[in-house]
Amino acid sequence: MEISENERLILIKKKEEIAELTSEILNIYRKPEHADEVKAKISKILSNISTISWYSSSKNGGIDTLVMRACQINDVMEKEGWSWDFVIKDVDEFCVLANAIQIEFTNSGLNIHIPKVEIPVFQVKL
């Protein structure tokens, strides 16, 4: 699918917004009163990634990695008695992976490159 110049600009803006959101998350995520804000920003990042990937002809499973990481973070934050200590590493990794997405515009459309990272499933007992 050919991408118009206007669509390219929109996609670049989505990528820039991902960088802004991850920066904001990393500035606030250790404060419990910001938990809902962190979850909302993660959701917005996933939405932007989904929009970018819609234009792509790439079949990259890296999106699944980001979704899984976001679900793990959310699951822990929903448990009574949770602590930032349980999600610090996951939030850091989510932000790094989200920022590592590369957009490559081609003559025929767009390719996205998302690092493939194995994420161990963990269970937190509170």
PDB file of N, CA and C in Angstrom:
ATOM      1  N   MET A   1       0.856  -1.169   0.000  1.00  0.00           N
ATOM      2  CA  MET A   1       0.000   0.000   0.000  1.00  0.00           C
ATOM      3  C   MET A   1       0.904   1.235   0.000  1.00  0.00           C
ATOM      4  N   GLU A   2       0.670   2.103  -0.934  1.00  0.00           N
ATOM      5  CA  GLU A   2       1.448   3.335  -1.000  1.00  0.00           C
ATOM      6  C   GLU A   2       0.973   4.310   0.076  1.00  0.00           C
ATOM      7  N   ILE A   3       1.923   4.997   0.673  1.00  0.00           N
ATOM      8  CA  ILE A   3       1.617   5.918   1.770  1.00  0.00           C
ATOM      9  C   ILE A   3       1.835   7.342   1.288  1.00  0.00           C
ATOM     10  N   SER A   4       0.828   8.179   1.505  1.00  0.00           N
ATOM     11  CA  SER A   4       0.931   9.577   1.090  1.00  0.00           C
ATOM     12  C   SER A   4       1.891  10.338   2.002  1.00  0.00           C
ATOM     13  N   GLU A   5       2.316  11.507   1.549  1.00  0.00           N
ATOM     14  CA  GLU A   5       3.209  12.346   2.349  1.00  0.00           C
ATOM     15  C   GLU A   5       2.536  12.735   3.668  1.00  0.00           C
ATOM     16  N   ASN A   6       1.256  13.027   3.619  1.00  0.00           N
ATOM     17  CA  ASN A   6       0.516  13.389   4.833  1.00  0.00           C
ATOM     18  C   ASN A   6       0.481  12.225   5.824  1.00  0.00           C
ATOM     19  N   GLU A   7       0.267  11.017   5.324  1.00  0.00           N
ATOM     20  CA  GLU A   7       0.271   9.838   6.187  1.00  0.00           C
ATOM     21  C   GLU A   7       1.657   9.597   6.788  1.00  0.00           C
ATOM     22  N   ARG A   8       2.697   9.830   6.015  1.00  0.00           N
ATOM     23  CA  ARG A   8       4.066   9.682   6.526  1.00  0.00           C
ATOM     24  C   ARG A   8       4.300  10.634   7.702  1.00  0.00           C
ATOM     25  N   LEU A   9       3.859  11.864   7.538  1.00  0.00           N
ATOM     26  CA  LEU A   9       4.021  12.848   8.612  1.00  0.00           C
ATOM     27  C   LEU A   9       3.249  12.443   9.857  1.00  0.00           C
ATOM     28  N   ILE A  10       2.062  11.909   9.666  1.00  0.00           N
ATOM     29  CA  ILE A  10       1.258  11.442  10.802  1.00  0.00           C
ATOM     30  C   ILE A  10       1.975  10.302  11.523  1.00  0.00           C
ATOM     31  N   LEU A  11       2.533   9.371  10.770  1.00  0.00           N
ATOM     32  CA  LEU A  11       3.224   8.231  11.369  1.00  0.00           C
ATOM     33  C   LEU A  11       4.486   8.666  12.106  1.00  0.00           C
ATOM     34  N   ILE A  12       5.204   9.612  11.543  1.00  0.00           N
ATOM     35  CA  ILE A  12       6.388  10.137  12.223  1.00  0.00           C
ATOM     36  C   ILE A  12       5.975  10.826  13.519  1.00  0.00           C
ATOM     37  N   LYS A  13       4.867  11.548  13.474  1.00  0.00           N
ATOM     38  CA  LYS A  13       4.357  12.209  14.681  1.00  0.00           C
ATOM     39  C   LYS A  13       3.967  11.169  15.742  1.00  0.00           C
ATOM     40  N   LYS A  14       3.386  10.049  15.323  1.00  0.00           N
ATOM     41  CA  LYS A  14       3.040   8.968  16.266  1.00  0.00           C
ATOM     42  C   LYS A  14       4.301   8.429  16.931  1.00  0.00           C
ATOM     43  N   LYS A  15       5.354   8.244  16.149  1.00  0.00           N
ATOM     44  CA  LYS A  15       6.627   7.752  16.700  1.00  0.00           C
ATOM     45  C   LYS A  15       7.208   8.758  17.684  1.00  0.00           C
ATOM     46  N   GLU A  16       7.142  10.039  17.349  1.00  0.00           N
ATOM     47  CA  GLU A  16       7.618  11.083  18.261  1.00  0.00           C
ATOM     48  C   GLU A  16       6.798  11.108  19.542  1.00  0.00           C
ATOM     49  N   GLU A  17       5.494  10.884  19.410  1.00  0.00           N
ATOM     50  CA  GLU A  17       4.622  10.866  20.590  1.00  0.00           C
ATOM     51  C   GLU A  17       4.967   9.679  21.499  1.00  0.00           C
ATOM     52  N   ILE A  18       5.335   8.549  20.910  1.00  0.00           N
ATOM     53  CA  ILE A  18       5.768   7.400  21.704  1.00  0.00           C
ATOM     54  C   ILE A  18       6.977   7.789  22.548  1.00  0.00           C
ATOM     55  N   ALA A  19       7.935   8.478  21.940  1.00  0.00           N
ATOM     56  CA  ALA A  19       9.140   8.908  22.668  1.00  0.00           C
ATOM     57  C   ALA A  19       8.771   9.866  23.804  1.00  0.00           C
ATOM     58  N   GLU A  20       7.861  10.787  23.547  1.00  0.00           N
ATOM     59  CA  GLU A  20       7.428  11.729  24.583  1.00  0.00           C
ATOM     60  C   GLU A  20       6.730  11.003  25.735  1.00  0.00           C
ATOM     61  N   LEU A  21       5.845  10.077  25.389  1.00  0.00           N
ATOM     62  CA  LEU A  21       5.105   9.348  26.422  1.00  0.00           C
ATOM     63  C   LEU A  21       6.026   8.490  27.280  1.00  0.00           C
ATOM     64  N   THR A  22       6.987   7.813  26.655  1.00  0.00           N
ATOM     65  CA  THR A  22       7.903   6.991  27.450  1.00  0.00           C
ATOM     66  C   THR A  22       8.754   7.860  28.362  1.00  0.00           C
ATOM     67  N   SER A  23       9.155   9.016  27.873  1.00  0.00           N
ATOM     68  CA  SER A  23       9.921   9.943  28.708  1.00  0.00           C
ATOM     69  C   SER A  23       9.092  10.395  29.913  1.00  0.00           C
ATOM     70  N   GLU A  24       7.842  10.714  29.679  1.00  0.00           N
ATOM     71  CA  GLU A  24       6.950  11.122  30.769  1.00  0.00           C
ATOM     72  C   GLU A  24       6.771   9.987  31.779  1.00  0.00           C
ATOM     73  N   ILE A  25       6.598   8.763  31.275  1.00  0.00           N
ATOM     74  CA  ILE A  25       6.447   7.609  32.165  1.00  0.00           C
ATOM     75  C   ILE A  25       7.678   7.467  33.051  1.00  0.00           C
ATOM     76  N   LEU A  26       8.845   7.530  32.448  1.00  0.00           N
ATOM     77  CA  LEU A  26      10.078   7.340  33.215  1.00  0.00           C
ATOM     78  C   LEU A  26      10.310   8.453  34.236  1.00  0.00           C
ATOM     79  N   ASN A  27       9.688   9.589  34.038  1.00  0.00           N
ATOM     80  CA  ASN A  27       9.801  10.685  35.001  1.00  0.00           C
ATOM     81  C   ASN A  27       8.848  10.555  36.190  1.00  0.00           C
ATOM     82  N   ILE A  28       7.779   9.788  36.029  1.00  0.00           N
ATOM     83  CA  ILE A  28       6.761   9.746  37.095  1.00  0.00           C
ATOM     84  C   ILE A  28       6.491   8.362  37.666  1.00  0.00           C
ATOM     85  N   TYR A  29       6.971   7.307  37.046  1.00  0.00           N
ATOM     86  CA  TYR A  29       6.451   5.981  37.374  1.00  0.00           C
ATOM     87  C   TYR A  29       6.814   5.439  38.751  1.00  0.00           C
ATOM     88  N   ARG A  30       7.701   6.034  39.456  1.00  0.00           N
ATOM     89  CA  ARG A  30       8.038   5.531  40.796  1.00  0.00           C
ATOM     90  C   ARG A  30       7.171   6.138  41.890  1.00  0.00           C
ATOM     91  N   LYS A  31       6.198   6.932  41.514  1.00  0.00           N
ATOM     92  CA  LYS A  31       5.313   7.553  42.486  1.00  0.00           C
ATOM     93  C   LYS A  31       3.941   6.877  42.399  1.00  0.00           C
ATOM     94  N   PRO A  32       3.525   6.204  43.471  1.00  0.00           N
ATOM     95  CA  PRO A  32       2.273   5.438  43.437  1.00  0.00           C
ATOM     96  C   PRO A  32       1.050   6.253  43.005  1.00  0.00           C
ATOM     97  N   GLU A  33       1.049   7.531  43.299  1.00  0.00           N
ATOM     98  CA  GLU A  33      -0.115   8.344  42.934  1.00  0.00           C
ATOM     99  C   GLU A  33      -0.247   8.527  41.417  1.00  0.00           C
ATOM    100  N   HIS A  34       0.776   8.122  40.671  1.00  0.00           N
ATOM    101  CA  HIS A  34       0.744   8.255  39.216  1.00  0.00           C
ATOM    102  C   HIS A  34       0.421   6.936  38.504  1.00  0.00           C
ATOM    103  N   ALA A  35       0.002   5.933  39.225  1.00  0.00           N
ATOM    104  CA  ALA A  35      -0.240   4.617  38.629  1.00  0.00           C
ATOM    105  C   ALA A  35      -1.244   4.678  37.481  1.00  0.00           C
ATOM    106  N   ASP A  36      -2.357   5.356  37.685  1.00  0.00           N
ATOM    107  CA  ASP A  36      -3.371   5.438  36.622  1.00  0.00           C
ATOM    108  C   ASP A  36      -2.842   6.197  35.406  1.00  0.00           C
ATOM    109  N   GLU A  37      -2.050   7.219  35.648  1.00  0.00           N
ATOM    110  CA  GLU A  37      -1.466   7.992  34.553  1.00  0.00           C
ATOM    111  C   GLU A  37      -0.476   7.133  33.756  1.00  0.00           C
ATOM    112  N   VAL A  38       0.314   6.330  34.459  1.00  0.00           N
ATOM    113  CA  VAL A  38       1.260   5.442  33.783  1.00  0.00           C
ATOM    114  C   VAL A  38       0.502   4.444  32.914  1.00  0.00           C
ATOM    115  N   LYS A  39      -0.548   3.847  33.449  1.00  0.00           N
ATOM    116  CA  LYS A  39      -1.329   2.883  32.669  1.00  0.00           C
ATOM    117  C   LYS A  39      -1.953   3.539  31.444  1.00  0.00           C
ATOM    118  N   ALA A  40      -2.437   4.760  31.586  1.00  0.00           N
ATOM    119  CA  ALA A  40      -3.039   5.476  30.455  1.00  0.00           C
ATOM    120  C   ALA A  40      -1.994   5.771  29.380  1.00  0.00           C
ATOM    121  N   LYS A  41      -0.795   6.147  29.790  1.00  0.00           N
ATOM    122  CA  LYS A  41       0.268   6.445  28.829  1.00  0.00           C
ATOM    123  C   LYS A  41       0.722   5.170  28.109  1.00  0.00           C
ATOM    124  N   ILE A  42       0.799   4.064  28.826  1.00  0.00           N
ATOM    125  CA  ILE A  42       1.144   2.785  28.193  1.00  0.00           C
ATOM    126  C   ILE A  42       0.089   2.417  27.158  1.00  0.00           C
ATOM    127  N   SER A  43      -1.164   2.616  27.501  1.00  0.00           N
ATOM    128  CA  SER A  43      -2.252   2.338  26.573  1.00  0.00           C
ATOM    129  C   SER A  43      -2.144   3.202  25.317  1.00  0.00           C
ATOM    130  N   LYS A  44      -1.831   4.468  25.476  1.00  0.00           N
ATOM    131  CA  LYS A  44      -1.680   5.383  24.342  1.00  0.00           C
ATOM    132  C   LYS A  44      -0.496   4.961  23.475  1.00  0.00           C
ATOM    133  N   ILE A  45       0.589   4.514  24.095  1.00  0.00           N
ATOM    134  CA  ILE A  45       1.744   4.027  23.337  1.00  0.00           C
ATOM    135  C   ILE A  45       1.341   2.826  22.480  1.00  0.00           C
ATOM    136  N   LEU A  46       0.614   1.891  23.077  1.00  0.00           N
ATOM    137  CA  LEU A  46       0.166   0.711  22.327  1.00  0.00           C
ATOM    138  C   LEU A  46      -0.755   1.114  21.174  1.00  0.00           C
ATOM    139  N   SER A  47      -1.591   2.101  21.403  1.00  0.00           N
ATOM    140  CA  SER A  47      -2.475   2.595  20.355  1.00  0.00           C
ATOM    141  C   SER A  47      -1.665   3.179  19.199  1.00  0.00           C
ATOM    142  N   ASN A  48      -0.651   3.967  19.512  1.00  0.00           N
ATOM    143  CA  ASN A  48       0.199   4.549  18.466  1.00  0.00           C
ATOM    144  C   ASN A  48       0.936   3.462  17.687  1.00  0.00           C
ATOM    145  N   ILE A  49       1.440   2.468  18.400  1.00  0.00           N
ATOM    146  CA  ILE A  49       2.142   1.366  17.739  1.00  0.00           C
ATOM    147  C   ILE A  49       1.187   0.597  16.829  1.00  0.00           C
ATOM    148  N   SER A  50      -0.016   0.401  17.295  1.00  0.00           N
ATOM    149  CA  SER A  50      -1.021  -0.284  16.492  1.00  0.00           C
ATOM    150  C   SER A  50      -1.330   0.499  15.218  1.00  0.00           C
ATOM    151  N   THR A  51      -1.448   1.805  15.346  1.00  0.00           N
ATOM    152  CA  THR A  51      -1.704   2.650  14.175  1.00  0.00           C
ATOM    153  C   THR A  51      -0.553   2.558  13.179  1.00  0.00           C
ATOM    154  N   ILE A  52       0.670   2.643  13.681  1.00  0.00           N
ATOM    155  CA  ILE A  52       1.842   2.539  12.806  1.00  0.00           C
ATOM    156  C   ILE A  52       1.866   1.178  12.115  1.00  0.00           C
ATOM    157  N   SER A  53       1.622   0.117  12.864  1.00  0.00           N
ATOM    158  CA  SER A  53       1.710  -1.233  12.291  1.00  0.00           C
ATOM    159  C   SER A  53       0.613  -1.489  11.263  1.00  0.00           C
ATOM    160  N   TRP A  54      -0.493  -0.786  11.364  1.00  0.00           N
ATOM    161  CA  TRP A  54      -1.582  -0.954  10.408  1.00  0.00           C
ATOM    162  C   TRP A  54      -1.116  -0.609   8.994  1.00  0.00           C
ATOM    163  N   TYR A  55      -0.215   0.355   8.884  1.00  0.00           N
ATOM    164  CA  TYR A  55       0.304   0.776   7.583  1.00  0.00           C
ATOM    165  C   TYR A  55       1.422  -0.118   7.080  1.00  0.00           C
ATOM    166  N   SER A  56       1.874  -1.013   7.889  1.00  0.00           N
ATOM    167  CA  SER A  56       3.048  -1.806   7.566  1.00  0.00           C
ATOM    168  C   SER A  56       2.700  -3.100   6.866  1.00  0.00           C
ATOM    169  N   SER A  57       3.594  -3.497   5.978  1.00  0.00           N
ATOM    170  CA  SER A  57       3.461  -4.814   5.367  1.00  0.00           C
ATOM    171  C   SER A  57       4.281  -5.845   6.130  1.00  0.00           C
ATOM    172  N   SER A  58       5.035  -5.387   7.129  1.00  0.00           N
ATOM    173  CA  SER A  58       5.866  -6.276   7.941  1.00  0.00           C
ATOM    174  C   SER A  58       4.993  -7.128   8.848  1.00  0.00           C
ATOM    175  N   LYS A  59       5.417  -8.322   9.063  1.00  0.00           N
ATOM    176  CA  LYS A  59       4.763  -9.205  10.033  1.00  0.00           C
ATOM    177  C   LYS A  59       5.738  -9.370  11.188  1.00  0.00           C
ATOM    178  N   ASN A  60       5.697  -8.451  12.115  1.00  0.00           N
ATOM    179  CA  ASN A  60       6.669  -8.448  13.201  1.00  0.00           C
ATOM    180  C   ASN A  60       5.975  -8.808  14.507  1.00  0.00           C
ATOM    181  N   GLY A  61       6.403  -9.890  15.113  1.00  0.00           N
ATOM    182  CA  GLY A  61       5.828 -10.330  16.375  1.00  0.00           C
ATOM    183  C   GLY A  61       6.242  -9.478  17.556  1.00  0.00           C
ATOM    184  N   GLY A  62       7.073  -8.486  17.319  1.00  0.00           N
ATOM    185  CA  GLY A  62       7.501  -7.612  18.405  1.00  0.00           C
ATOM    186  C   GLY A  62       6.358  -6.867  19.056  1.00  0.00           C
ATOM    187  N   ILE A  63       5.311  -6.640  18.303  1.00  0.00           N
ATOM    188  CA  ILE A  63       4.139  -5.962  18.875  1.00  0.00           C
ATOM    189  C   ILE A  63       3.551  -6.820  19.985  1.00  0.00           C
ATOM    190  N   ASP A  64       3.514  -8.120  19.769  1.00  0.00           N
ATOM    191  CA  ASP A  64       3.002  -9.029  20.799  1.00  0.00           C
ATOM    192  C   ASP A  64       3.821  -8.917  22.079  1.00  0.00           C
ATOM    193  N   THR A  65       5.133  -8.732  21.936  1.00  0.00           N
ATOM    194  CA  THR A  65       6.005  -8.578  23.096  1.00  0.00           C
ATOM    195  C   THR A  65       5.609  -7.352  23.906  1.00  0.00           C
ATOM    196  N   LEU A  66       5.368  -6.250  23.220  1.00  0.00           N
ATOM    197  CA  LEU A  66       4.978  -5.020  23.910  1.00  0.00           C
ATOM    198  C   LEU A  66       3.614  -5.156  24.574  1.00  0.00           C
ATOM    199  N   VAL A  67       2.689  -5.794  23.892  1.00  0.00           N
ATOM    200  CA  VAL A  67       1.351  -5.990  24.470  1.00  0.00           C
ATOM    201  C   VAL A  67       1.450  -6.879  25.707  1.00  0.00           C
ATOM    202  N   MET A  68       2.250  -7.942  25.619  1.00  0.00           N
ATOM    203  CA  MET A  68       2.415  -8.839  26.764  1.00  0.00           C
ATOM    204  C   MET A  68       3.024  -8.103  27.960  1.00  0.00           C
ATOM    205  N   ARG A  69       4.035  -7.303  27.687  1.00  0.00           N
ATOM    206  CA  ARG A  69       4.688  -6.538  28.762  1.00  0.00           C
ATOM    207  C   ARG A  69       3.681  -5.568  29.388  1.00  0.00           C
ATOM    208  N   ALA A  70       2.896  -4.884  28.576  1.00  0.00           N
ATOM    209  CA  ALA A  70       1.893  -3.944  29.094  1.00  0.00           C
ATOM    210  C   ALA A  70       0.860  -4.675  29.945  1.00  0.00           C
ATOM    211  N   CYS A  71       0.442  -5.840  29.515  1.00  0.00           N
ATOM    212  CA  CYS A  71      -0.534  -6.619  30.302  1.00  0.00           C
ATOM    213  C   CYS A  71       0.058  -7.050  31.635  1.00  0.00           C
ATOM    214  N   GLN A  72       1.324  -7.457  31.634  1.00  0.00           N
ATOM    215  CA  GLN A  72       1.977  -7.847  32.880  1.00  0.00           C
ATOM    216  C   GLN A  72       2.045  -6.667  33.848  1.00  0.00           C
ATOM    217  N   ILE A  73       2.416  -5.512  33.338  1.00  0.00           N
ATOM    218  CA  ILE A  73       2.496  -4.317  34.176  1.00  0.00           C
ATOM    219  C   ILE A  73       1.129  -3.999  34.755  1.00  0.00           C
ATOM    220  N   ASN A  74       0.121  -4.015  33.914  1.00  0.00           N
ATOM    221  CA  ASN A  74      -1.243  -3.712  34.356  1.00  0.00           C
ATOM    222  C   ASN A  74      -1.735  -4.721  35.382  1.00  0.00           C
ATOM    223  N   ASP A  75      -1.477  -6.000  35.145  1.00  0.00           N
ATOM    224  CA  ASP A  75      -1.923  -7.039  36.076  1.00  0.00           C
ATOM    225  C   ASP A  75      -1.333  -6.832  37.469  1.00  0.00           C
ATOM    226  N   VAL A  76      -0.043  -6.526  37.521  1.00  0.00           N
ATOM    227  CA  VAL A  76       0.602  -6.305  38.822  1.00  0.00           C
ATOM    228  C   VAL A  76       0.015  -5.072  39.496  1.00  0.00           C
ATOM    229  N   MET A  77      -0.181  -4.010  38.720  1.00  0.00           N
ATOM    230  CA  MET A  77      -0.668  -2.762  39.299  1.00  0.00           C
ATOM    231  C   MET A  77      -2.120  -2.853  39.778  1.00  0.00           C
ATOM    232  N   GLU A  78      -2.829  -3.858  39.321  1.00  0.00           N
ATOM    233  CA  GLU A  78      -4.214  -4.054  39.752  1.00  0.00           C
ATOM    234  C   GLU A  78      -4.320  -4.867  41.040  1.00  0.00           C
ATOM    235  N   LYS A  79      -3.242  -5.497  41.438  1.00  0.00           N
ATOM    236  CA  LYS A  79      -3.269  -6.323  42.646  1.00  0.00           C
ATOM    237  C   LYS A  79      -3.174  -5.458  43.897  1.00  0.00           C
ATOM    238  N   GLU A  80      -3.925  -5.835  44.889  1.00  0.00           N
ATOM    239  CA  GLU A  80      -3.876  -5.121  46.166  1.00  0.00           C
ATOM    240  C   GLU A  80      -2.509  -5.350  46.807  1.00  0.00           C
ATOM    241  N   GLY A  81      -1.906  -4.287  47.295  1.00  0.00           N
ATOM    242  CA  GLY A  81      -0.621  -4.395  47.968  1.00  0.00           C
ATOM    243  C   GLY A  81       0.574  -4.395  47.033  1.00  0.00           C
ATOM    244  N   TRP A  82       0.362  -4.081  45.760  1.00  0.00           N
ATOM    245  CA  TRP A  82       1.471  -4.077  44.817  1.00  0.00           C
ATOM    246  C   TRP A  82       2.432  -2.941  45.158  1.00  0.00           C
ATOM    247  N   SER A  83       3.639  -3.065  44.629  1.00  0.00           N
ATOM    248  CA  SER A  83       4.672  -2.066  44.867  1.00  0.00           C
ATOM    249  C   SER A  83       5.390  -1.783  43.546  1.00  0.00           C
ATOM    250  N   TRP A  84       5.917  -0.573  43.407  1.00  0.00           N
ATOM    251  CA  TRP A  84       6.675  -0.242  42.207  1.00  0.00           C
ATOM    252  C   TRP A  84       7.862  -1.177  42.034  1.00  0.00           C
ATOM    253  N   ASP A  85       8.358  -1.724  43.132  1.00  0.00           N
ATOM    254  CA  ASP A  85       9.483  -2.650  43.040  1.00  0.00           C
ATOM    255  C   ASP A  85       9.169  -3.835  42.134  1.00  0.00           C
ATOM    256  N   PHE A  86       7.876  -4.199  42.059  1.00  0.00           N
ATOM    257  CA  PHE A  86       7.476  -5.347  41.237  1.00  0.00           C
ATOM    258  C   PHE A  86       7.444  -5.031  39.745  1.00  0.00           C
ATOM    259  N   VAL A  87       7.331  -3.749  39.371  1.00  0.00           N
ATOM    260  CA  VAL A  87       7.159  -3.411  37.956  1.00  0.00           C
ATOM    261  C   VAL A  87       8.237  -2.496  37.373  1.00  0.00           C
ATOM    262  N   ILE A  88       9.188  -2.066  38.181  1.00  0.00           N
ATOM    263  CA  ILE A  88      10.205  -1.128  37.685  1.00  0.00           C
ATOM    264  C   ILE A  88      10.908  -1.682  36.442  1.00  0.00           C
ATOM    265  N   LYS A  89      11.387  -2.896  36.524  1.00  0.00           N
ATOM    266  CA  LYS A  89      12.108  -3.495  35.394  1.00  0.00           C
ATOM    267  C   LYS A  89      11.194  -3.608  34.171  1.00  0.00           C
ATOM    268  N   ASP A  90       9.954  -3.992  34.391  1.00  0.00           N
ATOM    269  CA  ASP A  90       9.021  -4.163  33.277  1.00  0.00           C
ATOM    270  C   ASP A  90       8.677  -2.831  32.606  1.00  0.00           C
ATOM    271  N   VAL A  91       8.484  -1.795  33.404  1.00  0.00           N
ATOM    272  CA  VAL A  91       8.198  -0.477  32.842  1.00  0.00           C
ATOM    273  C   VAL A  91       9.410   0.020  32.057  1.00  0.00           C
ATOM    274  N   ASP A  92      10.599  -0.158  32.621  1.00  0.00           N
ATOM    275  CA  ASP A  92      11.825   0.244  31.915  1.00  0.00           C
ATOM    276  C   ASP A  92      11.936  -0.473  30.568  1.00  0.00           C
ATOM    277  N   GLU A  93      11.751  -1.781  30.577  1.00  0.00           N
ATOM    278  CA  GLU A  93      11.886  -2.563  29.349  1.00  0.00           C
ATOM    279  C   GLU A  93      10.810  -2.200  28.334  1.00  0.00           C
ATOM    280  N   PHE A  94       9.592  -1.976  28.795  1.00  0.00           N
ATOM    281  CA  PHE A  94       8.514  -1.572  27.898  1.00  0.00           C
ATOM    282  C   PHE A  94       8.887  -0.273  27.185  1.00  0.00           C
ATOM    283  N   CYS A  95       9.382   0.695  27.943  1.00  0.00           N
ATOM    284  CA  CYS A  95       9.753   1.991  27.363  1.00  0.00           C
ATOM    285  C   CYS A  95      10.909   1.854  26.377  1.00  0.00           C
ATOM    286  N   VAL A  96      11.895   1.049  26.715  1.00  0.00           N
ATOM    287  CA  VAL A  96      13.032   0.832  25.815  1.00  0.00           C
ATOM    288  C   VAL A  96      12.552   0.192  24.513  1.00  0.00           C
ATOM    289  N   LEU A  97      11.728  -0.843  24.612  1.00  0.00           N
ATOM    290  CA  LEU A  97      11.231  -1.521  23.410  1.00  0.00           C
ATOM    291  C   LEU A  97      10.372  -0.598  22.561  1.00  0.00           C
ATOM    292  N   ALA A  98       9.511   0.177  23.198  1.00  0.00           N
ATOM    293  CA  ALA A  98       8.646   1.096  22.450  1.00  0.00           C
ATOM    294  C   ALA A  98       9.487   2.121  21.685  1.00  0.00           C
ATOM    295  N   ASN A  99      10.541   2.607  22.305  1.00  0.00           N
ATOM    296  CA  ASN A  99      11.407   3.581  21.639  1.00  0.00           C
ATOM    297  C   ASN A  99      12.310   2.959  20.584  1.00  0.00           C
ATOM    298  N   ALA A 100      12.505   1.666  20.647  1.00  0.00           N
ATOM    299  CA  ALA A 100      13.393   0.987  19.702  1.00  0.00           C
ATOM    300  C   ALA A 100      12.716   0.683  18.364  1.00  0.00           C
ATOM    301  N   ILE A 101      11.433   0.922  18.273  1.00  0.00           N
ATOM    302  CA  ILE A 101      10.720   0.677  17.019  1.00  0.00           C
ATOM    303  C   ILE A 101      11.306   1.573  15.930  1.00  0.00           C
ATOM    304  N   GLN A 102      11.583   0.970  14.789  1.00  0.00           N
ATOM    305  CA  GLN A 102      12.106   1.717  13.651  1.00  0.00           C
ATOM    306  C   GLN A 102      11.091   1.675  12.523  1.00  0.00           C
ATOM    307  N   ILE A 103      10.885   2.817  11.912  1.00  0.00           N
ATOM    308  CA  ILE A 103       9.977   2.925  10.769  1.00  0.00           C
ATOM    309  C   ILE A 103      10.824   3.108   9.522  1.00  0.00           C
ATOM    310  N   GLU A 104      10.573   2.270   8.535  1.00  0.00           N
ATOM    311  CA  GLU A 104      11.304   2.363   7.270  1.00  0.00           C
ATOM    312  C   GLU A 104      10.290   2.570   6.140  1.00  0.00           C
ATOM    313  N   PHE A 105      10.317   3.755   5.549  1.00  0.00           N
ATOM    314  CA  PHE A 105       9.435   4.033   4.424  1.00  0.00           C
ATOM    315  C   PHE A 105      10.067   3.472   3.166  1.00  0.00           C
ATOM    316  N   THR A 106       9.278   2.747   2.394  1.00  0.00           N
ATOM    317  CA  THR A 106       9.744   2.147   1.146  1.00  0.00           C
ATOM    318  C   THR A 106       8.879   2.655   0.007  1.00  0.00           C
ATOM    319  N   ASN A 107       9.252   2.294  -1.201  1.00  0.00           N
ATOM    320  CA  ASN A 107       8.449   2.699  -2.360  1.00  0.00           C
ATOM    321  C   ASN A 107       7.053   2.095  -2.319  1.00  0.00           C
ATOM    322  N   SER A 108       6.944   0.932  -1.738  1.00  0.00           N
ATOM    323  CA  SER A 108       5.648   0.249  -1.716  1.00  0.00           C
ATOM    324  C   SER A 108       4.893   0.424  -0.406  1.00  0.00           C
ATOM    325  N   GLY A 109       5.442   1.172   0.529  1.00  0.00           N
ATOM    326  CA  GLY A 109       4.722   1.356   1.792  1.00  0.00           C
ATOM    327  C   GLY A 109       5.642   1.596   2.968  1.00  0.00           C
ATOM    328  N   LEU A 110       5.508   0.724   3.958  1.00  0.00           N
ATOM    329  CA  LEU A 110       6.206   0.938   5.219  1.00  0.00           C
ATOM    330  C   LEU A 110       6.585  -0.401   5.826  1.00  0.00           C
ATOM    331  N   ASN A 111       7.782  -0.468   6.363  1.00  0.00           N
ATOM    332  CA  ASN A 111       8.205  -1.607   7.166  1.00  0.00           C
ATOM    333  C   ASN A 111       8.483  -1.094   8.568  1.00  0.00           C
ATOM    334  N   ILE A 112       8.095  -1.855   9.545  1.00  0.00           N
ATOM    335  CA  ILE A 112       8.458  -1.513  10.916  1.00  0.00           C
ATOM    336  C   ILE A 112       9.344  -2.623  11.450  1.00  0.00           C
ATOM    337  N   HIS A 113      10.265  -2.219  12.277  1.00  0.00           N
ATOM    338  CA  HIS A 113      11.175  -3.167  12.900  1.00  0.00           C
ATOM    339  C   HIS A 113      11.055  -2.991  14.406  1.00  0.00           C
ATOM    340  N   ILE A 114      10.606  -4.049  15.044  1.00  0.00           N
ATOM    341  CA  ILE A 114      10.466  -4.047  16.497  1.00  0.00           C
ATOM    342  C   ILE A 114      11.361  -5.157  17.026  1.00  0.00           C
ATOM    343  N   PRO A 115      12.228  -4.832  17.958  1.00  0.00           N
ATOM    344  CA  PRO A 115      13.106  -5.870  18.494  1.00  0.00           C
ATOM    345  C   PRO A 115      12.292  -7.028  19.063  1.00  0.00           C
ATOM    346  N   LYS A 116      12.736  -8.227  18.766  1.00  0.00           N
ATOM    347  CA  LYS A 116      12.077  -9.402  19.336  1.00  0.00           C
ATOM    348  C   LYS A 116      12.830  -9.779  20.606  1.00  0.00           C
ATOM    349  N   VAL A 117      12.123  -9.771  21.704  1.00  0.00           N
ATOM    350  CA  VAL A 117      12.722 -10.058  22.999  1.00  0.00           C
ATOM    351  C   VAL A 117      11.853 -11.089  23.695  1.00  0.00           C
ATOM    352  N   GLU A 118      12.484 -12.098  24.229  1.00  0.00           N
ATOM    353  CA  GLU A 118      11.746 -13.083  25.018  1.00  0.00           C
ATOM    354  C   GLU A 118      11.447 -12.486  26.380  1.00  0.00           C
ATOM    355  N   ILE A 119      10.194 -12.539  26.755  1.00  0.00           N
ATOM    356  CA  ILE A 119       9.788 -12.003  28.051  1.00  0.00           C
ATOM    357  C   ILE A 119       9.296 -13.161  28.908  1.00  0.00           C
ATOM    358  N   PRO A 120       9.986 -13.425  30.005  1.00  0.00           N
ATOM    359  CA  PRO A 120       9.519 -14.493  30.879  1.00  0.00           C
ATOM    360  C   PRO A 120       8.218 -14.063  31.561  1.00  0.00           C
ATOM    361  N   VAL A 121       7.313 -14.994  31.656  1.00  0.00           N
ATOM    362  CA  VAL A 121       6.065 -14.722  32.352  1.00  0.00           C
ATOM    363  C   VAL A 121       6.345 -14.876  33.826  1.00  0.00           C
ATOM    364  N   PHE A 122       5.915 -13.909  34.597  1.00  0.00           N
ATOM    365  CA  PHE A 122       6.169 -13.960  36.030  1.00  0.00           C
ATOM    366  C   PHE A 122       4.866 -13.852  36.779  1.00  0.00           C
ATOM    367  N   GLN A 123       4.874 -14.308  37.989  1.00  0.00           N
ATOM    368  CA  GLN A 123       3.724 -14.175  38.874  1.00  0.00           C
ATOM    369  C   GLN A 123       4.197 -13.540  40.143  1.00  0.00           C
ATOM    370  N   VAL A 124       3.474 -12.538  40.560  1.00  0.00           N
ATOM    371  CA  VAL A 124       3.816 -11.846  41.795  1.00  0.00           C
ATOM    372  C   VAL A 124       2.786 -12.239  42.834  1.00  0.00           C
ATOM    373  N   LYS A 125       3.283 -12.727  43.943  1.00  0.00           N
ATOM    374  CA  LYS A 125       2.390 -13.085  45.047  1.00  0.00           C
ATOM    375  C   LYS A 125       2.492 -12.002  46.101  1.00  0.00           C
ATOM    376  N   LEU A 126       1.380 -11.392  46.387  1.00  0.00           N
ATOM    377  CA  LEU A 126       1.366 -10.307  47.385  1.00  0.00           C
ATOM    378  C   LEU A 126       0.731 -10.789  48.659  1.00  0.00           C
TER     379      LEU A 126
END
